Amino acid sequence: MASKNYVVINGRAYNTITGMVMNDVDVKKIEIKRDQLSNNRGTAVSRIHAAHIQKSSTLNRRHVKKPQGVPLAAKTQKPRVTAQQHVAVKKFAPATSKPAPQQTAINRPAETHPIIRRAQQRPLSTNNQLRKDRRPMPIVKTPAIIPQKIEKPAAKTAKELKNEAIEKALSNEIASNKKTRRRQKKGGALRLLNTFSVGFAVMLLGGYLTYLSMPNISIKMAAVQSGIDAKYPGYKPDGYALNGPIKFKSGEVTMRYAYADGSSAYTITQQKSNWNSSAVKEFFSEKHKSPNTTMIDGLTIYSGGKEAAWVNGGILYQISGDANLSSDQIQKIAASL
């Protein structure tokens, strides 16, 4: 055959135009010719590394010389035979062939999404309508601020600086003097107020102490005026208090105690006397036939009815009145004198 119009696939020949099997073609002879052509071209790929196999050599180079290998450039190479490309093969087309024109795809126009389309067709609510009708605020352009030049003050002379320092010192001194005067005024007012408050407190305390010690003062004055050593009792029954001034005359002092509601009262009489307990008992027995006798702290007290009497230190003490005093109360009064 002059021209090769078949292709060998899996050991069978097929027509390149019709694709039918060509039984008249001997595939084995074609394979033999192909191997011969490959041998003419050069060494087969499977035999490239099979030739010139060298065994391993020793590494001790002091006694054995390094083996010299034959460079690849010195090897004789066979000329390469190029085969002509078949007309039916289009994979490796020559570079001069023009590329086939490519069709450019036309892009489709943009379309809105169905969900967005349905949302646009839906009627707007009141808030969305107001938000849609709201107009944007006008943009007000603020005028540009022109930077102003700062003028530096002129340098002051030594005389001006000196005058300013003097004026500043004088102003500070005047201000400090005003502050000290204000402090002095405030301090004087505070001292006066403190003095007044202390004096008032002392006066109140003195009045209270005077009120408490008034009976003692009165009894001392009465004792001086009467000429006897009269005493103020340290005990008084509950509900009773000194009623009226202390009365006195030569050799005698009288004190009257009344109940809070004025229903009852008793009188203590202190009289200068040279009697003893026997004389007091005889005197008291004339008023009361059988008086009660009580001994307390070396004192002998005679009582009967609503009266009582005893003598101590040359002074005769008598209790009289309409007060219903118990024997214990009479003994406490006698012991406190």
Protein backbone atom coordinates (compact mmCIF):
# COMPACT_ATOMS: atom_id res chain seq x y z
CA MET A 1 0.00 0.00 0.00
CA ALA A 2 1.29 3.37 -1.03
CA SER A 3 -0.27 5.30 1.72
CA LYS A 4 -1.16 4.36 5.28
CA ASN A 5 -4.93 4.72 5.58
CA TYR A 6 -5.35 2.62 8.72
CA VAL A 7 -4.62 2.75 12.43
CA VAL A 8 -3.45 -0.20 14.55
CA ILE A 9 -5.39 -0.56 17.81
CA ASN A 10 -4.98 -3.60 20.08
CA GLY A 11 -3.32 -5.65 17.33
CA ARG A 12 -6.01 -4.93 14.67
CA ALA A 13 -6.05 -2.42 11.78
CA TYR A 14 -8.95 0.01 11.32
CA ASN A 15 -9.67 2.29 8.35
CA THR A 16 -9.13 5.97 9.29
CA ILE A 17 -12.06 7.13 7.17
CA THR A 18 -14.75 4.49 7.54
CA GLY A 19 -13.58 2.98 10.86
CA MET A 20 -14.07 -0.52 9.50
CA VAL A 21 -11.72 -3.43 10.33
CA MET A 22 -9.13 -4.11 7.64
CA ASN A 23 -8.42 -7.84 7.59
CA ASP A 24 -6.08 -7.67 4.59
CA VAL A 25 -3.45 -5.77 6.56
CA ASP A 26 -0.77 -7.88 8.25
CA VAL A 27 -0.28 -6.22 11.64
CA LYS A 28 2.68 -8.44 12.61
CA LYS A 29 4.79 -7.31 9.63
CA ILE A 30 4.02 -3.71 10.49
CA GLU A 31 5.24 -4.24 14.09
CA ILE A 32 8.48 -5.85 12.85
CA LYS A 33 9.16 -2.89 10.55
CA ARG A 34 8.50 -0.48 13.43
CA ASP A 35 11.05 -2.22 15.66
CA GLN A 36 13.63 -2.07 12.90
CA LEU A 37 13.02 1.66 12.49
CA SER A 38 13.41 2.21 16.22
CA ASN A 39 16.70 0.28 16.20
CA ASN A 40 17.96 2.44 13.38
CA ARG A 41 17.11 5.58 15.26
CA GLY A 42 19.12 4.72 18.38
CA THR A 43 19.26 2.62 21.49
CA ALA A 44 15.96 1.48 22.85
CA VAL A 45 14.71 3.10 26.02
CA SER A 46 14.79 -0.18 27.88
CA ARG A 47 18.50 -0.63 27.01
CA ILE A 48 19.83 2.84 27.88
CA HIS A 49 20.81 1.95 31.46
CA ALA A 50 21.63 -1.70 30.72
CA ALA A 51 24.97 -0.96 28.97
CA HIS A 52 28.28 -0.02 30.64
CA ILE A 53 27.42 -1.47 34.06
CA GLN A 54 30.39 -0.93 36.39
CA LYS A 55 30.99 -2.88 39.55
CA SER A 56 31.73 -1.18 42.87
CA SER A 57 35.33 -0.18 43.58
CA THR A 58 37.25 0.25 46.81
CA LEU A 59 37.28 3.61 48.56
CA ASN A 60 40.87 3.48 49.76
CA ARG A 61 42.46 5.95 47.35
CA ARG A 62 46.01 5.84 48.80
CA HIS A 63 46.78 2.44 47.27
CA VAL A 64 44.33 2.23 44.33
CA LYS A 65 43.94 4.85 41.67
CA LYS A 66 40.58 6.39 41.02
CA PRO A 67 38.83 4.67 38.09
CA GLN A 68 38.33 6.90 35.11
CA GLY A 69 34.96 6.78 33.45
CA VAL A 70 34.32 7.48 29.80
CA PRO A 71 32.54 10.82 29.31
CA LEU A 72 29.19 10.79 27.53
CA ALA A 73 30.47 13.19 24.88
CA ALA A 74 33.08 10.66 23.77
CA LYS A 75 30.44 8.01 23.05
CA THR A 76 29.49 7.50 19.44
CA GLN A 77 25.88 8.42 18.86
CA LYS A 78 23.86 7.20 15.91
CA PRO A 79 22.10 9.71 13.75
CA ARG A 80 18.41 10.18 14.60
CA VAL A 81 15.91 9.44 11.85
CA THR A 82 12.79 11.54 11.92
CA ALA A 83 9.58 9.97 10.71
CA GLN A 84 7.10 11.87 8.69
CA GLN A 85 3.81 12.69 10.39
CA HIS A 86 0.68 11.17 8.90
CA VAL A 87 -1.87 13.43 7.37
CA ALA A 88 -4.65 12.00 9.54
CA VAL A 89 -2.85 12.87 12.80
CA LYS A 90 -4.16 16.27 13.98
CA LYS A 91 -2.95 16.26 17.56
CA PHE A 92 0.51 17.53 16.72
CA ALA A 93 -0.55 20.01 14.07
CA PRO A 94 2.08 22.40 12.69
CA ALA A 95 2.37 25.86 14.21
CA THR A 96 1.47 27.53 10.96
CA SER A 97 -2.10 26.22 11.15
CA LYS A 98 -4.63 28.86 12.16
CA PRO A 99 -6.64 28.23 15.36
CA ALA A 100 -10.34 27.65 15.00
CA PRO A 101 -12.44 30.71 15.76
CA GLN A 102 -13.99 30.61 19.27
CA GLN A 103 -17.55 31.65 19.84
CA THR A 104 -17.97 34.31 22.55
CA ALA A 105 -20.79 33.66 25.01
CA ILE A 106 -23.24 36.51 25.40
CA ASN A 107 -24.07 37.31 29.05
CA ARG A 108 -27.71 37.43 30.03
CA PRO A 109 -29.05 40.69 31.44
CA ALA A 110 -29.40 40.98 35.23
CA GLU A 111 -32.74 39.92 36.65
CA THR A 112 -34.26 40.58 40.07
CA HIS A 113 -34.76 37.66 42.42
CA PRO A 114 -38.36 36.40 42.75
CA ILE A 115 -38.34 37.06 46.52
CA ILE A 116 -37.25 40.67 46.00
CA ARG A 117 -39.88 41.04 43.25
CA ARG A 118 -42.63 39.82 45.61
CA ALA A 119 -41.39 42.12 48.41
CA GLN A 120 -41.53 45.12 46.05
CA GLN A 121 -45.08 44.27 44.98
CA ARG A 122 -46.26 43.95 48.60
CA PRO A 123 -48.02 47.13 49.96
CA LEU A 124 -45.90 49.16 52.40
CA SER A 125 -46.88 49.53 56.07
CA THR A 126 -47.35 52.91 57.74
CA ASN A 127 -43.85 52.98 59.31
CA ASN A 128 -42.18 51.90 56.05
CA GLN A 129 -44.17 54.48 54.08
CA LEU A 130 -43.12 57.22 56.52
CA ARG A 131 -39.53 56.02 56.34
CA LYS A 132 -39.69 56.06 52.53
CA ASP A 133 -41.22 59.55 52.40
CA ARG A 134 -38.66 60.91 54.82
CA ARG A 135 -36.42 63.35 53.07
CA PRO A 136 -32.70 63.51 53.78
CA MET A 137 -31.46 66.41 55.82
CA PRO A 138 -29.80 69.14 53.78
CA ILE A 139 -26.06 69.20 54.09
CA VAL A 140 -24.93 72.52 55.52
CA LYS A 141 -21.47 73.46 54.56
CA THR A 142 -19.61 75.10 57.38
CA PRO A 143 -17.40 77.96 56.37
CA ALA A 144 -13.74 77.18 56.43
CA ILE A 145 -11.94 78.50 59.48
CA ILE A 146 -9.17 80.77 58.46
CA PRO A 147 -6.24 80.42 60.86
CA GLN A 148 -5.31 83.72 62.41
CA LYS A 149 -1.80 84.74 62.87
CA ILE A 150 -0.73 85.01 66.49
CA GLU A 151 1.32 88.04 67.06
CA LYS A 152 4.06 87.60 69.59
CA PRO A 153 4.20 90.31 72.26
CA ALA A 154 7.09 92.61 72.10
CA ALA A 155 9.92 92.01 74.52
CA LYS A 156 9.60 94.06 77.72
CA THR A 157 12.37 96.17 79.10
CA ALA A 158 14.01 95.61 82.47
CA LYS A 159 12.25 98.66 83.92
CA GLU A 160 8.79 97.38 82.89
CA LEU A 161 9.50 93.95 84.35
CA LYS A 162 10.62 95.55 87.63
CA ASN A 163 7.47 97.68 87.86
CA GLU A 164 5.25 94.67 87.19
CA ALA A 165 7.00 92.64 89.91
CA ILE A 166 6.51 95.48 92.42
CA GLU A 167 2.81 95.84 91.57
CA LYS A 168 2.29 92.09 91.89
CA ALA A 169 4.00 91.99 95.30
CA LEU A 170 1.89 94.92 96.55
CA SER A 171 -1.36 93.32 95.36
CA ASN A 172 -0.44 90.02 97.08
CA GLU A 173 0.34 91.86 100.32
CA ILE A 174 -2.99 93.72 100.23
CA ALA A 175 -4.89 90.49 99.60
CA SER A 176 -3.07 88.75 102.49
CA ASN A 177 -3.85 91.68 104.82
CA LYS A 178 -7.55 91.44 103.93
CA LYS A 179 -7.54 87.71 104.63
CA THR A 180 -5.84 88.18 108.01
CA ARG A 181 -8.38 90.87 108.96
CA ARG A 182 -11.25 88.60 108.05
CA ARG A 183 -9.70 85.79 110.07
CA GLN A 184 -9.19 88.10 113.04
CA LYS A 185 -12.82 89.26 112.88
CA LYS A 186 -14.05 85.69 112.66
CA GLY A 187 -11.70 84.63 115.46
CA GLY A 188 -12.84 87.51 117.72
CA ALA A 189 -16.51 86.65 117.14
CA LEU A 190 -15.85 83.00 117.91
CA ARG A 191 -13.93 83.85 121.06
CA LEU A 192 -16.73 86.15 122.23
CA LEU A 193 -19.32 83.46 121.54
CA ASN A 194 -17.27 80.84 123.38
CA THR A 195 -16.78 83.17 126.36
CA PHE A 196 -20.50 83.94 126.51
CA SER A 197 -21.45 80.25 126.31
CA VAL A 198 -18.93 79.31 129.04
CA GLY A 199 -20.16 82.11 131.29
CA PHE A 200 -23.78 81.11 130.77
CA ALA A 201 -22.97 77.49 131.60
CA VAL A 202 -21.10 78.53 134.75
CA MET A 203 -24.02 80.71 135.77
CA LEU A 204 -26.50 77.88 135.30
CA LEU A 205 -24.27 75.49 137.24
CA GLY A 206 -23.83 78.02 140.02
CA GLY A 207 -27.58 78.63 140.22
CA TYR A 208 -28.25 74.90 140.38
CA LEU A 209 -25.65 74.40 143.11
CA THR A 210 -27.04 77.40 144.98
CA TYR A 211 -30.52 75.93 144.76
CA LEU A 212 -29.27 72.65 146.17
CA SER A 213 -27.28 74.25 148.95
CA MET A 214 -29.89 76.89 149.87
CA PRO A 215 -31.29 74.93 152.87
CA ASN A 216 -27.79 74.45 154.28
CA ILE A 217 -27.05 78.14 153.83
CA SER A 218 -30.36 79.07 155.50
CA ILE A 219 -29.80 76.76 158.46
CA LYS A 220 -26.29 78.13 158.97
CA MET A 221 -27.59 81.70 158.97
CA ALA A 222 -30.37 80.70 161.41
CA ALA A 223 -27.83 78.96 163.65
CA VAL A 224 -25.71 82.10 163.77
CA GLN A 225 -28.70 84.30 164.51
CA SER A 226 -30.21 81.96 167.18
CA GLY A 227 -26.95 81.11 168.89
CA ILE A 228 -27.31 77.32 168.76
CA ASP A 229 -25.63 74.67 166.60
CA ALA A 230 -28.70 73.92 164.48
CA LYS A 231 -28.47 71.26 161.71
CA TYR A 232 -30.37 70.44 158.55
CA PRO A 233 -31.70 66.83 158.42
CA GLY A 234 -30.15 64.65 155.74
CA TYR A 235 -33.27 62.48 155.41
CA LYS A 236 -36.85 63.34 154.62
CA PRO A 237 -39.75 60.96 153.93
CA ASP A 238 -40.89 60.50 150.34
CA GLY A 239 -43.30 63.19 149.18
CA TYR A 240 -42.27 65.74 151.85
CA ALA A 241 -40.22 68.89 151.21
CA LEU A 242 -39.20 72.02 153.09
CA ASN A 243 -42.17 74.40 153.17
CA GLY A 244 -41.40 78.07 153.75
CA PRO A 245 -38.35 79.74 155.24
CA ILE A 246 -36.48 78.46 158.27
CA LYS A 247 -37.70 80.32 161.34
CA PHE A 248 -35.38 81.14 164.20
CA LYS A 249 -35.27 83.09 167.45
CA SER A 250 -32.86 83.28 170.35
CA GLY A 251 -31.96 79.70 171.30
CA GLU A 252 -34.51 78.07 168.95
CA VAL A 253 -34.79 77.09 165.20
CA THR A 254 -37.94 75.70 163.52
CA MET A 255 -38.31 73.94 160.11
CA ARG A 256 -41.65 72.91 158.58
CA TYR A 257 -42.02 70.02 156.02
CA ALA A 258 -45.25 69.56 154.04
CA TYR A 259 -46.50 66.78 151.74
CA ALA A 260 -46.68 67.46 148.02
CA ASP A 261 -50.49 67.81 147.97
CA GLY A 262 -50.55 69.76 151.25
CA SER A 263 -52.65 67.14 153.07
CA SER A 264 -50.17 66.68 155.96
CA ALA A 265 -47.08 68.33 157.47
CA TYR A 266 -44.63 67.97 160.36
CA THR A 267 -42.34 70.44 162.15
CA ILE A 268 -38.80 69.88 163.52
CA THR A 269 -37.86 72.14 166.44
CA GLN A 270 -34.26 72.47 167.71
CA GLN A 271 -33.99 74.18 171.12
CA LYS A 272 -31.02 74.80 173.39
CA SER A 273 -31.40 72.75 176.64
CA ASN A 274 -29.43 71.18 179.48
CA TRP A 275 -31.79 68.21 179.91
CA ASN A 276 -30.79 64.59 179.76
CA SER A 277 -32.77 61.55 178.60
CA SER A 278 -34.47 61.12 182.02
CA ALA A 279 -35.70 64.70 182.01
CA VAL A 280 -36.95 64.31 178.44
CA LYS A 281 -38.82 61.13 179.43
CA GLU A 282 -40.45 62.84 182.39
CA PHE A 283 -41.40 65.85 180.19
CA PHE A 284 -42.78 63.62 177.43
CA SER A 285 -44.66 61.40 179.92
CA GLU A 286 -46.73 64.40 181.00
CA LYS A 287 -48.21 64.52 177.41
CA HIS A 288 -48.34 60.79 176.76
CA LYS A 289 -48.86 58.31 179.58
CA SER A 290 -46.91 55.42 178.09
CA PRO A 291 -44.41 56.69 175.45
CA ASN A 292 -42.50 54.34 173.16
CA THR A 293 -38.75 54.23 173.78
CA THR A 294 -36.29 53.50 170.94
CA MET A 295 -32.49 53.29 171.08
CA ILE A 296 -30.48 54.10 167.92
CA ASP A 297 -26.83 55.20 167.57
CA GLY A 298 -26.64 56.08 171.31
CA LEU A 299 -29.82 58.19 171.12
CA THR A 300 -32.93 57.48 173.20
CA ILE A 301 -36.05 58.51 171.29
CA TYR A 302 -39.44 58.86 172.97
CA SER A 303 -42.48 58.80 170.70
CA GLY A 304 -46.20 58.74 171.17
CA GLY A 305 -49.09 59.60 168.85
CA LYS A 306 -47.72 61.90 166.12
CA GLU A 307 -44.92 63.41 168.25
CA ALA A 308 -41.36 62.44 169.18
CA ALA A 309 -38.52 63.95 171.28
CA TRP A 310 -34.84 63.26 172.14
CA VAL A 311 -31.81 65.17 173.35
CA ASN A 312 -28.29 65.25 171.87
CA GLY A 313 -25.34 67.56 172.55
CA GLY A 314 -27.30 70.03 174.72
CA ILE A 315 -30.05 70.46 172.07
CA LEU A 316 -33.62 69.22 172.48
CA TYR A 317 -35.16 67.92 169.23
CA GLN A 318 -38.94 67.63 168.85
CA ILE A 319 -41.16 66.42 165.96
CA SER A 320 -44.79 67.52 165.93
CA GLY A 321 -47.63 67.88 163.43
CA ASP A 322 -50.40 65.87 161.75
CA ALA A 323 -48.14 63.65 159.59
CA ASN A 324 -48.49 59.92 160.16
CA LEU A 325 -44.74 59.13 160.41
CA SER A 326 -43.68 55.57 161.20
CA SER A 327 -41.12 54.70 163.89
CA ASP A 328 -38.55 53.88 161.16
CA GLN A 329 -38.99 57.28 159.51
CA ILE A 330 -38.60 59.03 162.89
CA GLN A 331 -35.42 57.05 163.63
CA LYS A 332 -33.92 57.98 160.18
CA ILE A 333 -34.70 61.66 160.76
CA ALA A 334 -33.07 61.56 164.21
CA ALA A 335 -29.99 59.73 162.89
CA SER A 336 -29.51 62.30 160.07
CA LEU A 337 -29.44 65.32 162.45
